[in-house]
Amino acid sequence: MSITVDRLASLIQRELANIVNEIVKNKKVGYINLTEVKVTKDISYATTYYTILSDEKEIIELAQSELDKFKVQIRMELAKKIRNVRKIPELIFKYDEALAYGNHIDKLLKSLK
């Protein structure tokens, strides 16, 4: 049975949301929210975009380093959850700057009033 790339991306995002926050338990980082997962057509890579509550650059870098440090363990847990896929894609974590940019624009608009 074949699964489409979009359905796989949705499934990975749903499963990773729980796995990431169970494995990465850094109090400085807090909760990691996954905003989007993009899977390549050959299912080799899954680029996972995330946000955190803090806008501080140090905390964002800490979150990235924590995700990179536990990347293999997160992928192994994902493989246990998703059984109907022959190959689990390599995970790439990227900070989603769209939310931070939106907050910045919102602050600018409020300062104009």
PDB file of N, CA and C in Angstrom:
ATOM      1  N   MET A   1       0.838  -1.178   0.000  1.00  0.00           N
ATOM      2  CA  MET A   1       0.000   0.000   0.000  1.00  0.00           C
ATOM      3  C   MET A   1       0.886   1.247   0.000  1.00  0.00           C
ATOM      4  N   SER A   2       0.656   2.118  -0.923  1.00  0.00           N
ATOM      5  CA  SER A   2       1.439   3.342  -1.040  1.00  0.00           C
ATOM      6  C   SER A   2       0.725   4.497  -0.336  1.00  0.00           C
ATOM      7  N   ILE A   3       1.501   5.362   0.245  1.00  0.00           N
ATOM      8  CA  ILE A   3       0.956   6.522   0.932  1.00  0.00           C
ATOM      9  C   ILE A   3       1.469   7.771   0.216  1.00  0.00           C
ATOM     10  N   THR A   4       0.608   8.753   0.012  1.00  0.00           N
ATOM     11  CA  THR A   4       1.033   9.947  -0.706  1.00  0.00           C
ATOM     12  C   THR A   4       1.951  10.786   0.175  1.00  0.00           C
ATOM     13  N   VAL A   5       2.719  11.645  -0.471  1.00  0.00           N
ATOM     14  CA  VAL A   5       3.688  12.475   0.234  1.00  0.00           C
ATOM     15  C   VAL A   5       2.974  13.436   1.187  1.00  0.00           C
ATOM     16  N   ASP A   6       1.848  14.007   0.746  1.00  0.00           N
ATOM     17  CA  ASP A   6       1.111  14.944   1.608  1.00  0.00           C
ATOM     18  C   ASP A   6       0.545  14.252   2.833  1.00  0.00           C
ATOM     19  N   ARG A   7       0.008  13.065   2.648  1.00  0.00           N
ATOM     20  CA  ARG A   7      -0.525  12.321   3.794  1.00  0.00           C
ATOM     21  C   ARG A   7       0.589  11.914   4.742  1.00  0.00           C
ATOM     22  N   LEU A   8       1.737  11.549   4.190  1.00  0.00           N
ATOM     23  CA  LEU A   8       2.875  11.191   5.019  1.00  0.00           C
ATOM     24  C   LEU A   8       3.358  12.403   5.823  1.00  0.00           C
ATOM     25  N   ALA A   9       3.412  13.573   5.185  1.00  0.00           N
ATOM     26  CA  ALA A   9       3.833  14.788   5.888  1.00  0.00           C
ATOM     27  C   ALA A   9       2.878  15.109   7.033  1.00  0.00           C
ATOM     28  N   SER A  10       1.597  14.961   6.799  1.00  0.00           N
ATOM     29  CA  SER A  10       0.598  15.201   7.844  1.00  0.00           C
ATOM     30  C   SER A  10       0.749  14.204   8.988  1.00  0.00           C
ATOM     31  N   LEU A  11       0.962  12.956   8.652  1.00  0.00           N
ATOM     32  CA  LEU A  11       1.140  11.912   9.660  1.00  0.00           C
ATOM     33  C   LEU A  11       2.410  12.142  10.477  1.00  0.00           C
ATOM     34  N   ILE A  12       3.484  12.510   9.809  1.00  0.00           N
ATOM     35  CA  ILE A  12       4.740  12.779  10.503  1.00  0.00           C
ATOM     36  C   ILE A  12       4.579  13.963  11.453  1.00  0.00           C
ATOM     37  N   GLN A  13       3.900  15.012  11.004  1.00  0.00           N
ATOM     38  CA  GLN A  13       3.714  16.179  11.861  1.00  0.00           C
ATOM     39  C   GLN A  13       2.909  15.827  13.112  1.00  0.00           C
ATOM     40  N   ARG A  14       1.868  15.048  12.934  1.00  0.00           N
ATOM     41  CA  ARG A  14       1.021  14.640  14.065  1.00  0.00           C
ATOM     42  C   ARG A  14       1.817  13.813  15.081  1.00  0.00           C
ATOM     43  N   GLU A  15       2.589  12.861  14.599  1.00  0.00           N
ATOM     44  CA  GLU A  15       3.349  11.991  15.493  1.00  0.00           C
ATOM     45  C   GLU A  15       4.542  12.715  16.125  1.00  0.00           C
ATOM     46  N   LEU A  16       5.207  13.567  15.332  1.00  0.00           N
ATOM     47  CA  LEU A  16       6.379  14.271  15.855  1.00  0.00           C
ATOM     48  C   LEU A  16       6.020  15.273  16.950  1.00  0.00           C
ATOM     49  N   ALA A  17       4.826  15.822  16.906  1.00  0.00           N
ATOM     50  CA  ALA A  17       4.421  16.804  17.915  1.00  0.00           C
ATOM     51  C   ALA A  17       4.537  16.222  19.317  1.00  0.00           C
ATOM     52  N   ASN A  18       4.129  14.984  19.483  1.00  0.00           N
ATOM     53  CA  ASN A  18       4.239  14.334  20.792  1.00  0.00           C
ATOM     54  C   ASN A  18       5.665  13.892  21.085  1.00  0.00           C
ATOM     55  N   ILE A  19       6.308  13.306  20.096  1.00  0.00           N
ATOM     56  CA  ILE A  19       7.643  12.740  20.287  1.00  0.00           C
ATOM     57  C   ILE A  19       8.657  13.813  20.655  1.00  0.00           C
ATOM     58  N   VAL A  20       8.641  14.932  19.948  1.00  0.00           N
ATOM     59  CA  VAL A  20       9.631  15.989  20.170  1.00  0.00           C
ATOM     60  C   VAL A  20       9.544  16.523  21.595  1.00  0.00           C
ATOM     61  N   ASN A  21       8.351  16.777  22.063  1.00  0.00           N
ATOM     62  CA  ASN A  21       8.215  17.358  23.398  1.00  0.00           C
ATOM     63  C   ASN A  21       8.424  16.344  24.515  1.00  0.00           C
ATOM     64  N   GLU A  22       8.335  15.060  24.201  1.00  0.00           N
ATOM     65  CA  GLU A  22       8.680  14.037  25.189  1.00  0.00           C
ATOM     66  C   GLU A  22      10.197  13.892  25.325  1.00  0.00           C
ATOM     67  N   ILE A  23      10.907  14.003  24.211  1.00  0.00           N
ATOM     68  CA  ILE A  23      12.350  13.773  24.210  1.00  0.00           C
ATOM     69  C   ILE A  23      13.121  15.041  24.596  1.00  0.00           C
ATOM     70  N   VAL A  24      12.748  16.178  24.019  1.00  0.00           N
ATOM     71  CA  VAL A  24      13.447  17.436  24.308  1.00  0.00           C
ATOM     72  C   VAL A  24      12.764  18.071  25.517  1.00  0.00           C
ATOM     73  N   LYS A  25      13.355  17.889  26.673  1.00  0.00           N
ATOM     74  CA  LYS A  25      12.770  18.414  27.908  1.00  0.00           C
ATOM     75  C   LYS A  25      13.693  19.452  28.517  1.00  0.00           C
ATOM     76  N   ASN A  26      13.907  20.528  27.792  1.00  0.00           N
ATOM     77  CA  ASN A  26      14.735  21.615  28.279  1.00  0.00           C
ATOM     78  C   ASN A  26      13.812  22.731  28.757  1.00  0.00           C
ATOM     79  N   LYS A  27      13.910  23.093  30.020  1.00  0.00           N
ATOM     80  CA  LYS A  27      13.017  24.096  30.591  1.00  0.00           C
ATOM     81  C   LYS A  27      13.213  25.472  29.967  1.00  0.00           C
ATOM     82  N   LYS A  28      14.418  25.780  29.524  1.00  0.00           N
ATOM     83  CA  LYS A  28      14.655  27.074  28.873  1.00  0.00           C
ATOM     84  C   LYS A  28      13.941  27.163  27.538  1.00  0.00           C
ATOM     85  N   VAL A  29      13.906  26.059  26.816  1.00  0.00           N
ATOM     86  CA  VAL A  29      13.263  26.033  25.505  1.00  0.00           C
ATOM     87  C   VAL A  29      11.752  26.031  25.657  1.00  0.00           C
ATOM     88  N   GLY A  30      11.242  25.237  26.572  1.00  0.00           N
ATOM     89  CA  GLY A  30       9.801  25.142  26.757  1.00  0.00           C
ATOM     90  C   GLY A  30       9.162  24.236  25.709  1.00  0.00           C
ATOM     91  N   TYR A  31       7.932  24.563  25.355  1.00  0.00           N
ATOM     92  CA  TYR A  31       7.166  23.744  24.410  1.00  0.00           C
ATOM     93  C   TYR A  31       7.580  24.082  22.976  1.00  0.00           C
ATOM     94  N   ILE A  32       7.792  23.058  22.181  1.00  0.00           N
ATOM     95  CA  ILE A  32       8.145  23.218  20.774  1.00  0.00           C
ATOM     96  C   ILE A  32       6.912  22.890  19.949  1.00  0.00           C
ATOM     97  N   ASN A  33       6.469  23.858  19.167  1.00  0.00           N
ATOM     98  CA  ASN A  33       5.280  23.685  18.338  1.00  0.00           C
ATOM     99  C   ASN A  33       5.708  23.458  16.891  1.00  0.00           C
ATOM    100  N   LEU A  34       5.275  22.362  16.301  1.00  0.00           N
ATOM    101  CA  LEU A  34       5.605  22.065  14.910  1.00  0.00           C
ATOM    102  C   LEU A  34       4.556  22.707  14.012  1.00  0.00           C
ATOM    103  N   THR A  35       4.996  23.558  13.103  1.00  0.00           N
ATOM    104  CA  THR A  35       4.051  24.286  12.256  1.00  0.00           C
ATOM    105  C   THR A  35       3.821  23.619  10.905  1.00  0.00           C
ATOM    106  N   GLU A  36       4.854  22.976  10.365  1.00  0.00           N
ATOM    107  CA  GLU A  36       4.705  22.376   9.042  1.00  0.00           C
ATOM    108  C   GLU A  36       5.784  21.325   8.820  1.00  0.00           C
ATOM    109  N   VAL A  37       5.444  20.316   8.038  1.00  0.00           N
ATOM    110  CA  VAL A  37       6.407  19.294   7.626  1.00  0.00           C
ATOM    111  C   VAL A  37       6.323  19.173   6.111  1.00  0.00           C
ATOM    112  N   LYS A  38       7.460  19.265   5.460  1.00  0.00           N
ATOM    113  CA  LYS A  38       7.532  19.087   4.009  1.00  0.00           C
ATOM    114  C   LYS A  38       8.406  17.879   3.727  1.00  0.00           C
ATOM    115  N   VAL A  39       7.860  16.908   3.006  1.00  0.00           N
ATOM    116  CA  VAL A  39       8.568  15.676   2.666  1.00  0.00           C
ATOM    117  C   VAL A  39       8.915  15.719   1.188  1.00  0.00           C
ATOM    118  N   THR A  40      10.155  15.350   0.859  1.00  0.00           N
ATOM    119  CA  THR A  40      10.554  15.300  -0.544  1.00  0.00           C
ATOM    120  C   THR A  40       9.818  14.162  -1.247  1.00  0.00           C
ATOM    121  N   LYS A  41       9.747  14.239  -2.567  1.00  0.00           N
ATOM    122  CA  LYS A  41       8.990  13.240  -3.335  1.00  0.00           C
ATOM    123  C   LYS A  41       9.551  11.827  -3.192  1.00  0.00           C
ATOM    124  N   ASP A  42      10.859  11.718  -3.003  1.00  0.00           N
ATOM    125  CA  ASP A  42      11.457  10.399  -2.846  1.00  0.00           C
ATOM    126  C   ASP A  42      11.496   9.939  -1.382  1.00  0.00           C
ATOM    127  N   ILE A  43      10.866  10.697  -0.512  1.00  0.00           N
ATOM    128  CA  ILE A  43      10.742  10.400   0.925  1.00  0.00           C
ATOM    129  C   ILE A  43      12.116  10.241   1.587  1.00  0.00           C
ATOM    130  N   SER A  44      13.092  10.995   1.114  1.00  0.00           N
ATOM    131  CA  SER A  44      14.417  10.942   1.729  1.00  0.00           C
ATOM    132  C   SER A  44      14.539  11.899   2.907  1.00  0.00           C
ATOM    133  N   TYR A  45      13.914  13.061   2.778  1.00  0.00           N
ATOM    134  CA  TYR A  45      14.049  14.091   3.798  1.00  0.00           C
ATOM    135  C   TYR A  45      12.682  14.654   4.174  1.00  0.00           C
ATOM    136  N   ALA A  46      12.553  14.981   5.459  1.00  0.00           N
ATOM    137  CA  ALA A  46      11.361  15.659   5.957  1.00  0.00           C
ATOM    138  C   ALA A  46      11.829  16.919   6.675  1.00  0.00           C
ATOM    139  N   THR A  47      11.581  18.062   6.062  1.00  0.00           N
ATOM    140  CA  THR A  47      11.936  19.331   6.679  1.00  0.00           C
ATOM    141  C   THR A  47      10.807  19.725   7.611  1.00  0.00           C
ATOM    142  N   THR A  48      11.130  19.867   8.880  1.00  0.00           N
ATOM    143  CA  THR A  48      10.145  20.144   9.908  1.00  0.00           C
ATOM    144  C   THR A  48      10.365  21.551  10.435  1.00  0.00           C
ATOM    145  N   TYR A  49       9.343  22.385  10.297  1.00  0.00           N
ATOM    146  CA  TYR A  49       9.411  23.761  10.773  1.00  0.00           C
ATOM    147  C   TYR A  49       8.776  23.835  12.154  1.00  0.00           C
ATOM    148  N   TYR A  50       9.424  24.572  13.059  1.00  0.00           N
ATOM    149  CA  TYR A  50       8.948  24.661  14.435  1.00  0.00           C
ATOM    150  C   TYR A  50       9.017  26.095  14.933  1.00  0.00           C
ATOM    151  N   THR A  51       8.247  26.359  15.981  1.00  0.00           N
ATOM    152  CA  THR A  51       8.313  27.632  16.685  1.00  0.00           C
ATOM    153  C   THR A  51       8.376  27.358  18.175  1.00  0.00           C
ATOM    154  N   ILE A  52       8.860  28.343  18.908  1.00  0.00           N
ATOM    155  CA  ILE A  52       8.855  28.293  20.363  1.00  0.00           C
ATOM    156  C   ILE A  52       8.293  29.628  20.855  1.00  0.00           C
ATOM    157  N   LEU A  53       7.999  29.700  22.126  1.00  0.00           N
ATOM    158  CA  LEU A  53       7.380  30.904  22.668  1.00  0.00           C
ATOM    159  C   LEU A  53       8.343  32.082  22.763  1.00  0.00           C
ATOM    160  N   SER A  54       9.601  31.836  22.900  1.00  0.00           N
ATOM    161  CA  SER A  54      10.581  32.900  23.073  1.00  0.00           C
ATOM    162  C   SER A  54      11.045  33.444  21.718  1.00  0.00           C
ATOM    163  N   ASP A  55      11.298  34.763  21.694  1.00  0.00           N
ATOM    164  CA  ASP A  55      11.860  35.391  20.499  1.00  0.00           C
ATOM    165  C   ASP A  55      13.353  35.654  20.650  1.00  0.00           C
ATOM    166  N   GLU A  56      13.920  35.268  21.796  1.00  0.00           N
ATOM    167  CA  GLU A  56      15.337  35.517  22.039  1.00  0.00           C
ATOM    168  C   GLU A  56      16.198  34.598  21.178  1.00  0.00           C
ATOM    169  N   LYS A  57      17.215  35.174  20.578  1.00  0.00           N
ATOM    170  CA  LYS A  57      18.071  34.425  19.660  1.00  0.00           C
ATOM    171  C   LYS A  57      18.781  33.267  20.359  1.00  0.00           C
ATOM    172  N   GLU A  58      19.212  33.469  21.617  1.00  0.00           N
ATOM    173  CA  GLU A  58      19.923  32.418  22.344  1.00  0.00           C
ATOM    174  C   GLU A  58      19.023  31.202  22.592  1.00  0.00           C
ATOM    175  N   ILE A  59      17.766  31.467  22.918  1.00  0.00           N
ATOM    176  CA  ILE A  59      16.823  30.381  23.186  1.00  0.00           C
ATOM    177  C   ILE A  59      16.496  29.639  21.892  1.00  0.00           C
ATOM    178  N   ILE A  60      16.377  30.362  20.799  1.00  0.00           N
ATOM    179  CA  ILE A  60      16.102  29.729  19.502  1.00  0.00           C
ATOM    180  C   ILE A  60      17.279  28.843  19.097  1.00  0.00           C
ATOM    181  N   GLU A  61      18.507  29.335  19.307  1.00  0.00           N
ATOM    182  CA  GLU A  61      19.694  28.527  18.999  1.00  0.00           C
ATOM    183  C   GLU A  61      19.789  27.305  19.910  1.00  0.00           C
ATOM    184  N   LEU A  62      19.391  27.470  21.176  1.00  0.00           N
ATOM    185  CA  LEU A  62      19.380  26.346  22.107  1.00  0.00           C
ATOM    186  C   LEU A  62      18.377  25.289  21.656  1.00  0.00           C
ATOM    187  N   ALA A  63      17.206  25.733  21.219  1.00  0.00           N
ATOM    188  CA  ALA A  63      16.187  24.791  20.728  1.00  0.00           C
ATOM    189  C   ALA A  63      16.707  24.031  19.507  1.00  0.00           C
ATOM    190  N   GLN A  64      17.362  24.740  18.595  1.00  0.00           N
ATOM    191  CA  GLN A  64      17.906  24.091  17.401  1.00  0.00           C
ATOM    192  C   GLN A  64      18.971  23.069  17.769  1.00  0.00           C
ATOM    193  N   SER A  65      19.832  23.418  18.711  1.00  0.00           N
ATOM    194  CA  SER A  65      20.884  22.475  19.103  1.00  0.00           C
ATOM    195  C   SER A  65      20.305  21.256  19.819  1.00  0.00           C
ATOM    196  N   GLU A  66      19.249  21.462  20.621  1.00  0.00           N
ATOM    197  CA  GLU A  66      18.603  20.332  21.291  1.00  0.00           C
ATOM    198  C   GLU A  66      17.951  19.402  20.264  1.00  0.00           C
ATOM    199  N   LEU A  67      17.281  19.974  19.279  1.00  0.00           N
ATOM    200  CA  LEU A  67      16.644  19.147  18.239  1.00  0.00           C
ATOM    201  C   LEU A  67      17.694  18.396  17.427  1.00  0.00           C
ATOM    202  N   ASP A  68      18.791  19.054  17.110  1.00  0.00           N
ATOM    203  CA  ASP A  68      19.857  18.388  16.357  1.00  0.00           C
ATOM    204  C   ASP A  68      20.514  17.281  17.180  1.00  0.00           C
ATOM    205  N   LYS A  69      20.636  17.514  18.476  1.00  0.00           N
ATOM    206  CA  LYS A  69      21.264  16.523  19.352  1.00  0.00           C
ATOM    207  C   LYS A  69      20.423  15.253  19.460  1.00  0.00           C
ATOM    208  N   PHE A  70      19.099  15.408  19.494  1.00  0.00           N
ATOM    209  CA  PHE A  70      18.209  14.257  19.663  1.00  0.00           C
ATOM    210  C   PHE A  70      17.582  13.787  18.351  1.00  0.00           C
ATOM    211  N   LYS A  71      18.109  14.244  17.224  1.00  0.00           N
ATOM    212  CA  LYS A  71      17.517  13.934  15.918  1.00  0.00           C
ATOM    213  C   LYS A  71      17.406  12.433  15.652  1.00  0.00           C
ATOM    214  N   VAL A  72      18.437  11.683  15.969  1.00  0.00           N
ATOM    215  CA  VAL A  72      18.439  10.233  15.722  1.00  0.00           C
ATOM    216  C   VAL A  72      17.409   9.542  16.608  1.00  0.00           C
ATOM    217  N   GLN A  73      17.367   9.932  17.874  1.00  0.00           N
ATOM    218  CA  GLN A  73      16.400   9.326  18.798  1.00  0.00           C
ATOM    219  C   GLN A  73      14.965   9.669  18.389  1.00  0.00           C
ATOM    220  N   ILE A  74      14.734  10.890  17.936  1.00  0.00           N
ATOM    221  CA  ILE A  74      13.400  11.290  17.489  1.00  0.00           C
ATOM    222  C   ILE A  74      12.993  10.479  16.268  1.00  0.00           C
ATOM    223  N   ARG A  75      13.922  10.272  15.344  1.00  0.00           N
ATOM    224  CA  ARG A  75      13.627   9.495  14.134  1.00  0.00           C
ATOM    225  C   ARG A  75      13.326   8.026  14.477  1.00  0.00           C
ATOM    226  N   MET A  76      14.048   7.478  15.455  1.00  0.00           N
ATOM    227  CA  MET A  76      13.793   6.090  15.858  1.00  0.00           C
ATOM    228  C   MET A  76      12.403   5.953  16.487  1.00  0.00           C
ATOM    229  N   GLU A  77      12.015   6.919  17.313  1.00  0.00           N
ATOM    230  CA  GLU A  77      10.678   6.889  17.910  1.00  0.00           C
ATOM    231  C   GLU A  77       9.604   7.055  16.844  1.00  0.00           C
ATOM    232  N   LEU A  78       9.874   7.878  15.844  1.00  0.00           N
ATOM    233  CA  LEU A  78       8.934   8.064  14.740  1.00  0.00           C
ATOM    234  C   LEU A  78       8.756   6.764  13.966  1.00  0.00           C
ATOM    235  N   ALA A  79       9.841   6.033  13.773  1.00  0.00           N
ATOM    236  CA  ALA A  79       9.770   4.756  13.062  1.00  0.00           C
ATOM    237  C   ALA A  79       8.912   3.745  13.819  1.00  0.00           C
ATOM    238  N   LYS A  80       8.929   3.805  15.153  1.00  0.00           N
ATOM    239  CA  LYS A  80       8.088   2.903  15.950  1.00  0.00           C
ATOM    240  C   LYS A  80       6.611   3.241  15.808  1.00  0.00           C
ATOM    241  N   LYS A  81       6.304   4.530  15.619  1.00  0.00           N
ATOM    242  CA  LYS A  81       4.906   4.976  15.525  1.00  0.00           C
ATOM    243  C   LYS A  81       4.321   4.768  14.135  1.00  0.00           C
ATOM    244  N   ILE A  82       5.141   4.964  13.106  1.00  0.00           N
ATOM    245  CA  ILE A  82       4.667   4.845  11.723  1.00  0.00           C
ATOM    246  C   ILE A  82       5.155   3.520  11.161  1.00  0.00           C
ATOM    247  N   ARG A  83       4.273   2.580  11.028  1.00  0.00           N
ATOM    248  CA  ARG A  83       4.660   1.227  10.606  1.00  0.00           C
ATOM    249  C   ARG A  83       4.445   0.967   9.105  1.00  0.00           C
ATOM    250  N   ASN A  84       3.526   1.708   8.473  1.00  0.00           N
ATOM    251  CA  ASN A  84       3.168   1.381   7.087  1.00  0.00           C
ATOM    252  C   ASN A  84       4.030   2.094   6.049  1.00  0.00           C
ATOM    253  N   VAL A  85       5.178   2.648   6.481  1.00  0.00           N
ATOM    254  CA  VAL A  85       6.097   3.304   5.551  1.00  0.00           C
ATOM    255  C   VAL A  85       7.395   2.521   5.533  1.00  0.00           C
ATOM    256  N   ARG A  86       7.852   2.210   4.341  1.00  0.00           N
ATOM    257  CA  ARG A  86       9.058   1.403   4.203  1.00  0.00           C
ATOM    258  C   ARG A  86      10.301   2.145   4.667  1.00  0.00           C
ATOM    259  N   LYS A  87      10.334   3.444   4.427  1.00  0.00           N
ATOM    260  CA  LYS A  87      11.519   4.240   4.731  1.00  0.00           C
ATOM    261  C   LYS A  87      11.101   5.494   5.501  1.00  0.00           C
ATOM    262  N   ILE A  88      11.711   5.693   6.653  1.00  0.00           N
ATOM    263  CA  ILE A  88      11.453   6.901   7.439  1.00  0.00           C
ATOM    264  C   ILE A  88      12.427   7.977   6.962  1.00  0.00           C
ATOM    265  N   PRO A  89      11.917   9.154   6.586  1.00  0.00           N
ATOM    266  CA  PRO A  89      12.812  10.185   6.053  1.00  0.00           C
ATOM    267  C   PRO A  89      13.761  10.751   7.105  1.00  0.00           C
ATOM    268  N   GLU A  90      14.887  11.250   6.625  1.00  0.00           N
ATOM    269  CA  GLU A  90      15.844  11.950   7.473  1.00  0.00           C
ATOM    270  C   GLU A  90      15.206  13.270   7.901  1.00  0.00           C
ATOM    271  N   LEU A  91      15.318  13.601   9.177  1.00  0.00           N
ATOM    272  CA  LEU A  91      14.658  14.789   9.706  1.00  0.00           C
ATOM    273  C   LEU A  91      15.586  15.997   9.662  1.00  0.00           C
ATOM    274  N   ILE A  92      15.042  17.101   9.175  1.00  0.00           N
ATOM    275  CA  ILE A  92      15.738  18.377   9.164  1.00  0.00           C
ATOM    276  C   ILE A  92      14.846  19.364   9.910  1.00  0.00           C
ATOM    277  N   PHE A  93      15.361  19.945  10.975  1.00  0.00           N
ATOM    278  CA  PHE A  93      14.590  20.895  11.768  1.00  0.00           C
ATOM    279  C   PHE A  93      15.009  22.317  11.421  1.00  0.00           C
ATOM    280  N   LYS A  94      14.005  23.170  11.147  1.00  0.00           N
ATOM    281  CA  LYS A  94      14.262  24.576  10.844  1.00  0.00           C
ATOM    282  C   LYS A  94      13.294  25.441  11.637  1.00  0.00           C
ATOM    283  N   TYR A  95      13.820  26.541  12.161  1.00  0.00           N
ATOM    284  CA  TYR A  95      12.986  27.479  12.901  1.00  0.00           C
ATOM    285  C   TYR A  95      12.088  28.229  11.928  1.00  0.00           C
ATOM    286  N   ASP A  96      10.796  28.281  12.224  1.00  0.00           N
ATOM    287  CA  ASP A  96       9.818  28.968  11.379  1.00  0.00           C
ATOM    288  C   ASP A  96       9.769  30.429  11.795  1.00  0.00           C
ATOM    289  N   GLU A  97      10.317  31.280  10.972  1.00  0.00           N
ATOM    290  CA  GLU A  97      10.403  32.699  11.300  1.00  0.00           C
ATOM    291  C   GLU A  97       9.134  33.467  10.972  1.00  0.00           C
ATOM    292  N   ALA A  98       8.145  32.828  10.389  1.00  0.00           N
ATOM    293  CA  ALA A  98       6.912  33.512  10.002  1.00  0.00           C
ATOM    294  C   ALA A  98       6.175  34.068  11.218  1.00  0.00           C
ATOM    295  N   LEU A  99       6.108  33.309  12.300  1.00  0.00           N
ATOM    296  CA  LEU A  99       5.411  33.769  13.500  1.00  0.00           C
ATOM    297  C   LEU A  99       6.150  34.946  14.131  1.00  0.00           C
ATOM    298  N   ALA A 100       7.460  34.866  14.225  1.00  0.00           N
ATOM    299  CA  ALA A 100       8.242  35.964  14.792  1.00  0.00           C
ATOM    300  C   ALA A 100       8.120  37.220  13.936  1.00  0.00           C
ATOM    301  N   TYR A 101       8.106  37.051  12.630  1.00  0.00           N
ATOM    302  CA  TYR A 101       7.951  38.189  11.727  1.00  0.00           C
ATOM    303  C   TYR A 101       6.562  38.810  11.882  1.00  0.00           C
ATOM    304  N   GLY A 102       5.549  37.972  12.012  1.00  0.00           N
ATOM    305  CA  GLY A 102       4.187  38.464  12.230  1.00  0.00           C
ATOM    306  C   GLY A 102       4.071  39.238  13.526  1.00  0.00           C
ATOM    307  N   ASN A 103       4.710  38.739  14.587  1.00  0.00           N
ATOM    308  CA  ASN A 103       4.702  39.456  15.861  1.00  0.00           C
ATOM    309  C   ASN A 103       5.415  40.793  15.747  1.00  0.00           C
ATOM    310  N   HIS A 104       6.502  40.822  15.000  1.00  0.00           N
ATOM    311  CA  HIS A 104       7.243  42.067  14.788  1.00  0.00           C
ATOM    312  C   HIS A 104       6.371  43.093  14.062  1.00  0.00           C
ATOM    313  N   ILE A 105       5.689  42.679  13.023  1.00  0.00           N
ATOM    314  CA  ILE A 105       4.803  43.569  12.270  1.00  0.00           C
ATOM    315  C   ILE A 105       3.665  44.049  13.164  1.00  0.00           C
ATOM    316  N   ASP A 106       3.127  43.159  13.984  1.00  0.00           N
ATOM    317  CA  ASP A 106       2.047  43.521  14.899  1.00  0.00           C
ATOM    318  C   ASP A 106       2.501  44.591  15.888  1.00  0.00           C
ATOM    319  N   LYS A 107       3.718  44.443  16.428  1.00  0.00           N
ATOM    320  CA  LYS A 107       4.261  45.453  17.349  1.00  0.00           C
ATOM    321  C   LYS A 107       4.435  46.799  16.649  1.00  0.00           C
ATOM    322  N   LEU A 108       4.910  46.770  15.398  1.00  0.00           N
ATOM    323  CA  LEU A 108       5.073  48.004  14.643  1.00  0.00           C
ATOM    324  C   LEU A 108       3.737  48.694  14.411  1.00  0.00           C
ATOM    325  N   LEU A 109       2.722  47.921  14.075  1.00  0.00           N
ATOM    326  CA  LEU A 109       1.398  48.499  13.839  1.00  0.00           C
ATOM    327  C   LEU A 109       0.801  49.086  15.115  1.00  0.00           C
ATOM    328  N   LYS A 110       1.027  48.415  16.231  1.00  0.00           N
ATOM    329  CA  LYS A 110       0.510  48.936  17.505  1.00  0.00           C
ATOM    330  C   LYS A 110       1.234  50.203  17.922  1.00  0.00           C
ATOM    331  N   SER A 111       2.522  50.304  17.586  1.00  0.00           N
ATOM    332  CA  SER A 111       3.275  51.499  17.954  1.00  0.00           C
ATOM    333  C   SER A 111       2.847  52.701  17.125  1.00  0.00           C
ATOM    334  N   LEU A 112       2.255  52.472  15.956  1.00  0.00           N
ATOM    335  CA  LEU A 112       1.791  53.580  15.107  1.00  0.00           C
ATOM    336  C   LEU A 112       0.520  54.216  15.640  1.00  0.00           C
ATOM    337  N   LYS A 113      -0.251  53.467  16.400  1.00  0.00           N
ATOM    338  CA  LYS A 113      -1.533  53.988  16.888  1.00  0.00           C
ATOM    339  C   LYS A 113      -1.368  55.008  17.963  1.00  0.00           C
TER     340      LYS A 113
END
